[in-house]
Amino acid sequence: MKKLTGNCLCGAVTFEIEDDFDHFQLCHCTQCQKTTGSAHASNLFTNPESITWLSGTQDIVRYDVEGRRISNVFCRKCGSRVPYLSLSGEVLAVPAGSLNETPAMPAQANIFWPERADWYDEALLASRYETFISSD
């Protein structure tokens, strides 16, 4: 089985994971917009045994929204989202942006589409640049 590597932005949290995902979803719900600070969360889902933590587990912080099935799990040093177990403990959610390589599975679904950010559709049509552009 092919393995992928991943880490947080600062590199404190590192892991290796089997490239054997069950689902790849882009969640547009308002809670995922808040936890990511973006238009959607991009998560792959797999079984909990597929990950091997290489470093930084002591730097992982978990916040569970009371009364909901939503969590935000991140590196305490840089704030980057990292893989985490669902509240049931049966599924491992892997933020796609935490991976260093492209998973074999493409994104399969845009869920909670009616809740997408008002600006999202128009943003997909915005100009594209290879680097940062200045407003100066």
N, C-alpha and C. Protein backbone atom coordinates (compact mmCIF):
# COMPACT_ATOMS: atom_id res chain seq x y z
N MET A 1 0.84 -1.18 0.00
CA MET A 1 0.00 0.00 0.00
C MET A 1 0.89 1.24 0.00
N LYS A 2 0.60 2.17 -0.93
CA LYS A 2 1.34 3.42 -1.00
C LYS A 2 1.04 4.25 0.25
N LYS A 3 2.08 4.92 0.75
CA LYS A 3 1.91 5.78 1.92
C LYS A 3 2.17 7.22 1.52
N LEU A 4 1.46 8.11 2.16
CA LEU A 4 1.62 9.55 1.98
C LEU A 4 2.17 10.12 3.27
N THR A 5 2.85 11.26 3.17
CA THR A 5 3.33 11.94 4.36
C THR A 5 2.53 13.22 4.55
N GLY A 6 2.55 13.73 5.76
CA GLY A 6 1.85 14.97 6.04
C GLY A 6 2.42 15.65 7.25
N ASN A 7 2.07 16.91 7.40
CA ASN A 7 2.54 17.69 8.55
C ASN A 7 1.75 18.98 8.67
N CYS A 8 1.93 19.62 9.81
CA CYS A 8 1.36 20.95 10.02
C CYS A 8 2.29 21.98 9.38
N LEU A 9 1.91 23.23 9.40
CA LEU A 9 2.70 24.29 8.77
C LEU A 9 4.10 24.43 9.37
N CYS A 10 4.22 24.34 10.69
CA CYS A 10 5.53 24.53 11.32
C CYS A 10 6.36 23.26 11.36
N GLY A 11 5.75 22.12 11.04
CA GLY A 11 6.49 20.86 11.01
C GLY A 11 6.59 20.14 12.34
N ALA A 12 5.95 20.67 13.37
CA ALA A 12 6.00 20.01 14.68
C ALA A 12 5.24 18.68 14.66
N VAL A 13 4.09 18.66 13.98
CA VAL A 13 3.26 17.46 13.89
C VAL A 13 3.51 16.82 12.53
N THR A 14 3.98 15.58 12.53
CA THR A 14 4.23 14.86 11.28
C THR A 14 3.60 13.48 11.35
N PHE A 15 3.22 12.96 10.19
CA PHE A 15 2.58 11.65 10.14
C PHE A 15 2.79 11.01 8.78
N GLU A 16 2.50 9.73 8.74
CA GLU A 16 2.50 8.94 7.52
C GLU A 16 1.15 8.24 7.49
N ILE A 17 0.54 8.13 6.30
CA ILE A 17 -0.79 7.54 6.21
C ILE A 17 -0.93 6.74 4.93
N GLU A 18 -1.65 5.63 5.01
CA GLU A 18 -1.90 4.80 3.84
C GLU A 18 -2.81 5.57 2.88
N ASP A 19 -2.49 5.50 1.59
CA ASP A 19 -3.29 6.17 0.56
C ASP A 19 -4.48 5.27 0.19
N ASP A 20 -5.35 5.06 1.16
CA ASP A 20 -6.48 4.15 1.01
C ASP A 20 -7.69 4.80 1.69
N PHE A 21 -8.22 5.84 1.06
CA PHE A 21 -9.31 6.60 1.66
C PHE A 21 -10.67 6.10 1.19
N ASP A 22 -11.67 6.25 2.06
CA ASP A 22 -13.04 5.84 1.75
C ASP A 22 -13.83 6.95 1.07
N HIS A 23 -13.59 8.19 1.48
CA HIS A 23 -14.33 9.35 0.96
C HIS A 23 -13.41 10.56 0.92
N PHE A 24 -13.72 11.48 0.01
CA PHE A 24 -13.04 12.78 -0.05
C PHE A 24 -14.13 13.80 -0.31
N GLN A 25 -14.41 14.62 0.70
CA GLN A 25 -15.51 15.57 0.61
C GLN A 25 -15.05 17.00 0.88
N LEU A 26 -15.67 17.93 0.18
CA LEU A 26 -15.49 19.34 0.44
C LEU A 26 -16.77 19.78 1.15
N CYS A 27 -16.64 20.16 2.42
CA CYS A 27 -17.81 20.53 3.22
C CYS A 27 -17.96 22.05 3.28
N HIS A 28 -19.10 22.52 2.80
CA HIS A 28 -19.37 23.95 2.71
C HIS A 28 -20.26 24.45 3.84
N CYS A 29 -20.48 23.65 4.89
CA CYS A 29 -21.35 24.09 5.99
C CYS A 29 -20.73 25.30 6.70
N THR A 30 -21.57 26.07 7.35
CA THR A 30 -21.07 27.28 8.00
C THR A 30 -20.08 26.98 9.11
N GLN A 31 -20.23 25.83 9.80
CA GLN A 31 -19.27 25.47 10.84
C GLN A 31 -17.89 25.20 10.25
N CYS A 32 -17.83 24.51 9.12
CA CYS A 32 -16.53 24.25 8.48
C CYS A 32 -15.92 25.54 7.95
N GLN A 33 -16.75 26.47 7.52
CA GLN A 33 -16.23 27.78 7.11
C GLN A 33 -15.55 28.46 8.30
N LYS A 34 -16.16 28.35 9.47
CA LYS A 34 -15.58 28.97 10.67
C LYS A 34 -14.30 28.25 11.12
N THR A 35 -14.30 26.91 11.12
CA THR A 35 -13.11 26.19 11.60
C THR A 35 -11.93 26.34 10.67
N THR A 36 -12.18 26.50 9.36
CA THR A 36 -11.07 26.63 8.42
C THR A 36 -10.74 28.08 8.10
N GLY A 37 -11.68 28.99 8.33
CA GLY A 37 -11.48 30.37 7.93
C GLY A 37 -11.52 30.52 6.42
N SER A 38 -12.13 29.57 5.74
CA SER A 38 -12.16 29.56 4.28
C SER A 38 -13.56 29.16 3.79
N ALA A 39 -13.67 28.89 2.50
CA ALA A 39 -14.96 28.57 1.90
C ALA A 39 -15.45 27.18 2.27
N HIS A 40 -14.53 26.27 2.54
CA HIS A 40 -14.92 24.90 2.85
C HIS A 40 -13.78 24.14 3.49
N ALA A 41 -14.14 23.03 4.14
CA ALA A 41 -13.14 22.09 4.64
C ALA A 41 -12.96 21.03 3.56
N SER A 42 -11.74 20.58 3.37
CA SER A 42 -11.43 19.52 2.39
C SER A 42 -10.88 18.34 3.17
N ASN A 43 -11.73 17.35 3.41
CA ASN A 43 -11.34 16.22 4.26
C ASN A 43 -11.46 14.88 3.55
N LEU A 44 -10.45 14.05 3.80
CA LEU A 44 -10.48 12.65 3.38
C LEU A 44 -10.80 11.83 4.61
N PHE A 45 -11.45 10.68 4.40
CA PHE A 45 -11.85 9.84 5.52
C PHE A 45 -11.33 8.42 5.31
N THR A 46 -10.84 7.84 6.40
CA THR A 46 -10.27 6.50 6.34
C THR A 46 -10.40 5.83 7.71
N ASN A 47 -9.84 4.63 7.84
CA ASN A 47 -9.91 3.95 9.14
C ASN A 47 -8.78 4.46 10.03
N PRO A 48 -9.01 4.49 11.32
CA PRO A 48 -8.03 5.04 12.27
C PRO A 48 -6.67 4.34 12.27
N GLU A 49 -6.63 3.08 11.87
CA GLU A 49 -5.37 2.34 11.89
C GLU A 49 -4.44 2.70 10.74
N SER A 50 -4.89 3.50 9.80
CA SER A 50 -4.08 3.80 8.62
C SER A 50 -3.00 4.86 8.85
N ILE A 51 -3.03 5.52 10.01
CA ILE A 51 -2.07 6.60 10.28
C ILE A 51 -0.98 6.15 11.24
N THR A 52 0.22 6.65 11.01
CA THR A 52 1.34 6.49 11.93
C THR A 52 1.83 7.88 12.27
N TRP A 53 1.73 8.25 13.52
CA TRP A 53 2.22 9.56 13.96
C TRP A 53 3.73 9.48 14.09
N LEU A 54 4.44 10.41 13.47
CA LEU A 54 5.90 10.41 13.53
C LEU A 54 6.43 11.39 14.57
N SER A 55 5.72 12.50 14.77
CA SER A 55 6.15 13.46 15.80
C SER A 55 5.01 14.42 16.13
N GLY A 56 5.12 15.04 17.29
CA GLY A 56 4.27 16.16 17.66
C GLY A 56 2.90 15.86 18.23
N THR A 57 2.59 14.64 18.58
CA THR A 57 1.24 14.38 19.11
C THR A 57 0.96 15.20 20.37
N GLN A 58 2.00 15.54 21.12
CA GLN A 58 1.82 16.36 22.32
C GLN A 58 1.42 17.80 21.97
N ASP A 59 1.58 18.19 20.70
CA ASP A 59 1.23 19.54 20.26
C ASP A 59 -0.15 19.62 19.62
N ILE A 60 -0.89 18.53 19.64
CA ILE A 60 -2.22 18.52 19.03
C ILE A 60 -3.27 18.94 20.05
N VAL A 61 -4.11 19.89 19.64
CA VAL A 61 -5.20 20.39 20.47
C VAL A 61 -6.52 20.06 19.76
N ARG A 62 -7.51 19.67 20.55
CA ARG A 62 -8.82 19.31 19.99
C ARG A 62 -9.90 20.17 20.62
N TYR A 63 -10.77 20.69 19.78
CA TYR A 63 -11.94 21.43 20.24
C TYR A 63 -13.17 20.77 19.62
N ASP A 64 -14.07 20.28 20.45
CA ASP A 64 -15.32 19.67 20.00
C ASP A 64 -16.46 20.66 20.28
N VAL A 65 -17.26 20.94 19.25
CA VAL A 65 -18.39 21.84 19.41
C VAL A 65 -19.47 21.10 20.20
N GLU A 66 -19.85 21.67 21.33
CA GLU A 66 -20.83 21.03 22.21
C GLU A 66 -22.16 20.83 21.49
N GLY A 67 -22.68 19.60 21.58
CA GLY A 67 -23.96 19.29 20.99
C GLY A 67 -23.94 19.08 19.48
N ARG A 68 -22.78 19.10 18.87
CA ARG A 68 -22.65 18.93 17.42
C ARG A 68 -21.65 17.83 17.13
N ARG A 69 -21.61 17.39 15.89
CA ARG A 69 -20.65 16.38 15.47
C ARG A 69 -19.51 17.03 14.71
N ILE A 70 -19.03 18.14 15.21
CA ILE A 70 -17.95 18.85 14.53
C ILE A 70 -16.82 19.12 15.50
N SER A 71 -15.60 18.94 14.99
CA SER A 71 -14.40 19.15 15.80
C SER A 71 -13.41 19.97 15.02
N ASN A 72 -12.54 20.65 15.73
CA ASN A 72 -11.42 21.36 15.13
C ASN A 72 -10.18 20.88 15.85
N VAL A 73 -9.29 20.24 15.12
CA VAL A 73 -8.09 19.66 15.71
C VAL A 73 -6.90 20.27 14.99
N PHE A 74 -5.95 20.79 15.77
CA PHE A 74 -4.89 21.58 15.17
C PHE A 74 -3.60 21.54 16.00
N CYS A 75 -2.52 21.97 15.37
CA CYS A 75 -1.24 22.10 16.05
C CYS A 75 -1.27 23.34 16.94
N ARG A 76 -0.91 23.18 18.20
CA ARG A 76 -0.92 24.31 19.14
C ARG A 76 0.13 25.36 18.80
N LYS A 77 1.17 24.99 18.05
CA LYS A 77 2.23 25.94 17.73
C LYS A 77 1.88 26.83 16.53
N CYS A 78 1.30 26.24 15.47
CA CYS A 78 1.05 27.02 14.26
C CYS A 78 -0.42 27.13 13.88
N GLY A 79 -1.28 26.34 14.53
CA GLY A 79 -2.72 26.43 14.26
C GLY A 79 -3.20 25.63 13.06
N SER A 80 -2.32 24.93 12.38
CA SER A 80 -2.72 24.15 11.21
C SER A 80 -3.58 22.96 11.63
N ARG A 81 -4.61 22.69 10.82
CA ARG A 81 -5.46 21.52 11.08
C ARG A 81 -4.68 20.25 10.79
N VAL A 82 -4.91 19.23 11.60
CA VAL A 82 -4.24 17.93 11.46
C VAL A 82 -5.27 16.81 11.54
N PRO A 83 -4.92 15.59 11.13
CA PRO A 83 -5.86 14.48 11.19
C PRO A 83 -6.39 14.26 12.61
N TYR A 84 -7.64 13.73 12.66
CA TYR A 84 -8.25 13.49 13.96
C TYR A 84 -9.31 12.39 13.87
N LEU A 85 -9.56 11.76 15.00
CA LEU A 85 -10.61 10.75 15.09
C LEU A 85 -11.97 11.42 15.22
N SER A 86 -12.96 10.85 14.56
CA SER A 86 -14.34 11.32 14.73
C SER A 86 -14.74 11.12 16.19
N LEU A 87 -15.81 11.75 16.60
CA LEU A 87 -16.26 11.60 17.98
C LEU A 87 -16.59 10.15 18.32
N SER A 88 -17.03 9.38 17.33
CA SER A 88 -17.32 7.96 17.57
C SER A 88 -16.05 7.13 17.68
N GLY A 89 -14.92 7.69 17.19
CA GLY A 89 -13.66 6.96 17.20
C GLY A 89 -13.53 5.96 16.08
N GLU A 90 -14.51 5.92 15.18
CA GLU A 90 -14.52 4.92 14.12
C GLU A 90 -13.94 5.39 12.80
N VAL A 91 -13.77 6.70 12.64
CA VAL A 91 -13.30 7.27 11.38
C VAL A 91 -12.19 8.27 11.65
N LEU A 92 -11.19 8.26 10.79
CA LEU A 92 -10.12 9.26 10.86
C LEU A 92 -10.37 10.28 9.76
N ALA A 93 -10.48 11.54 10.13
CA ALA A 93 -10.63 12.63 9.18
C ALA A 93 -9.26 13.24 8.93
N VAL A 94 -8.91 13.40 7.66
CA VAL A 94 -7.59 13.92 7.29
C VAL A 94 -7.78 15.18 6.45
N PRO A 95 -7.40 16.35 6.98
CA PRO A 95 -7.47 17.56 6.16
C PRO A 95 -6.56 17.39 4.93
N ALA A 96 -7.13 17.55 3.75
CA ALA A 96 -6.36 17.32 2.52
C ALA A 96 -5.13 18.22 2.44
N GLY A 97 -5.22 19.43 2.96
CA GLY A 97 -4.10 20.35 2.92
C GLY A 97 -2.94 19.96 3.82
N SER A 98 -3.16 19.01 4.71
CA SER A 98 -2.08 18.56 5.60
C SER A 98 -1.19 17.51 4.92
N LEU A 99 -1.62 17.02 3.76
CA LEU A 99 -0.84 16.01 3.04
C LEU A 99 0.23 16.66 2.17
N ASN A 100 1.37 15.99 2.04
CA ASN A 100 2.46 16.50 1.21
C ASN A 100 2.39 15.99 -0.22
N GLU A 101 1.63 14.93 -0.44
CA GLU A 101 1.47 14.38 -1.78
C GLU A 101 -0.03 14.35 -2.11
N THR A 102 -0.34 14.18 -3.38
CA THR A 102 -1.72 14.11 -3.83
C THR A 102 -2.27 12.70 -3.61
N PRO A 103 -3.40 12.58 -2.92
CA PRO A 103 -3.98 11.25 -2.73
C PRO A 103 -4.50 10.70 -4.05
N ALA A 104 -4.59 9.38 -4.15
CA ALA A 104 -5.09 8.75 -5.37
C ALA A 104 -6.57 9.08 -5.59
N MET A 105 -7.32 9.26 -4.52
CA MET A 105 -8.76 9.54 -4.63
C MET A 105 -9.01 11.02 -4.89
N PRO A 106 -9.75 11.35 -5.94
CA PRO A 106 -10.11 12.75 -6.16
C PRO A 106 -11.29 13.14 -5.26
N ALA A 107 -11.50 14.42 -5.10
CA ALA A 107 -12.67 14.88 -4.33
C ALA A 107 -13.93 14.32 -4.99
N GLN A 108 -14.84 13.83 -4.15
CA GLN A 108 -16.05 13.17 -4.65
C GLN A 108 -17.32 13.97 -4.48
N ALA A 109 -17.36 14.85 -3.51
CA ALA A 109 -18.62 15.52 -3.23
C ALA A 109 -18.40 16.88 -2.59
N ASN A 110 -19.27 17.82 -2.95
CA ASN A 110 -19.38 19.11 -2.28
C ASN A 110 -20.63 18.99 -1.41
N ILE A 111 -20.43 18.83 -0.10
CA ILE A 111 -21.57 18.63 0.79
C ILE A 111 -21.98 19.95 1.44
N PHE A 112 -23.23 20.02 1.87
CA PHE A 112 -23.82 21.24 2.42
C PHE A 112 -23.69 22.40 1.44
N TRP A 113 -23.86 22.09 0.15
CA TRP A 113 -23.72 23.08 -0.92
C TRP A 113 -24.60 24.31 -0.73
N PRO A 114 -25.85 24.17 -0.27
CA PRO A 114 -26.67 25.38 -0.09
C PRO A 114 -26.10 26.36 0.94
N GLU A 115 -25.23 25.89 1.84
CA GLU A 115 -24.65 26.78 2.85
C GLU A 115 -23.35 27.43 2.38
N ARG A 116 -22.94 27.16 1.15
CA ARG A 116 -21.66 27.70 0.68
C ARG A 116 -21.63 29.22 0.82
N ALA A 117 -20.44 29.76 0.97
CA ALA A 117 -20.24 31.20 1.12
C ALA A 117 -20.83 31.94 -0.08
N ASP A 118 -21.48 33.06 0.19
CA ASP A 118 -22.11 33.84 -0.87
C ASP A 118 -21.13 34.22 -1.98
N TRP A 119 -19.87 34.38 -1.63
CA TRP A 119 -18.86 34.84 -2.59
C TRP A 119 -18.16 33.70 -3.32
N TYR A 120 -18.45 32.45 -2.96
CA TYR A 120 -17.69 31.31 -3.48
C TYR A 120 -17.80 31.13 -4.99
N ASP A 121 -19.00 31.10 -5.54
CA ASP A 121 -19.17 30.86 -6.97
C ASP A 121 -18.43 31.90 -7.81
N GLU A 122 -18.57 33.17 -7.45
CA GLU A 122 -17.90 34.24 -8.18
C GLU A 122 -16.38 34.16 -8.01
N ALA A 123 -15.93 33.72 -6.84
CA ALA A 123 -14.48 33.62 -6.59
C ALA A 123 -13.83 32.60 -7.52
N LEU A 124 -14.57 31.57 -7.91
CA LEU A 124 -14.01 30.57 -8.83
C LEU A 124 -13.71 31.16 -10.21
N LEU A 125 -14.32 32.29 -10.53
CA LEU A 125 -14.12 32.95 -11.82
C LEU A 125 -13.07 34.06 -11.75
N ALA A 126 -12.54 34.33 -10.56
CA ALA A 126 -11.56 35.41 -10.38
C ALA A 126 -10.27 35.13 -11.15
N SER A 127 -9.52 36.19 -11.44
CA SER A 127 -8.24 36.06 -12.12
C SER A 127 -7.31 35.16 -11.33
N ARG A 128 -6.40 34.50 -12.05
CA ARG A 128 -5.47 33.56 -11.42
C ARG A 128 -4.03 34.01 -11.65
N TYR A 129 -3.21 33.92 -10.61
CA TYR A 129 -1.81 34.33 -10.66
C TYR A 129 -0.93 33.25 -10.07
N GLU A 130 0.29 33.22 -10.49
CA GLU A 130 1.24 32.20 -9.98
C GLU A 130 1.82 32.56 -8.63
N THR A 131 1.78 33.83 -8.26
CA THR A 131 2.34 34.27 -6.99
C THR A 131 1.44 35.33 -6.35
N PHE A 132 1.84 35.78 -5.17
CA PHE A 132 1.14 36.82 -4.46
C PHE A 132 1.14 38.09 -5.29
N ILE A 133 0.02 38.83 -5.29
CA ILE A 133 -0.01 40.12 -5.98
C ILE A 133 -0.18 41.21 -4.95
N SER A 134 0.46 42.33 -5.17
CA SER A 134 0.44 43.45 -4.23
C SER A 134 -0.67 44.41 -4.59
N SER A 135 -1.23 45.05 -3.57
CA SER A 135 -2.25 46.07 -3.80
C SER A 135 -1.61 47.46 -3.89
N ASP A 136 -0.27 47.52 -3.85
CA ASP A 136 0.44 48.83 -3.94
C ASP A 136 0.40 49.37 -5.34
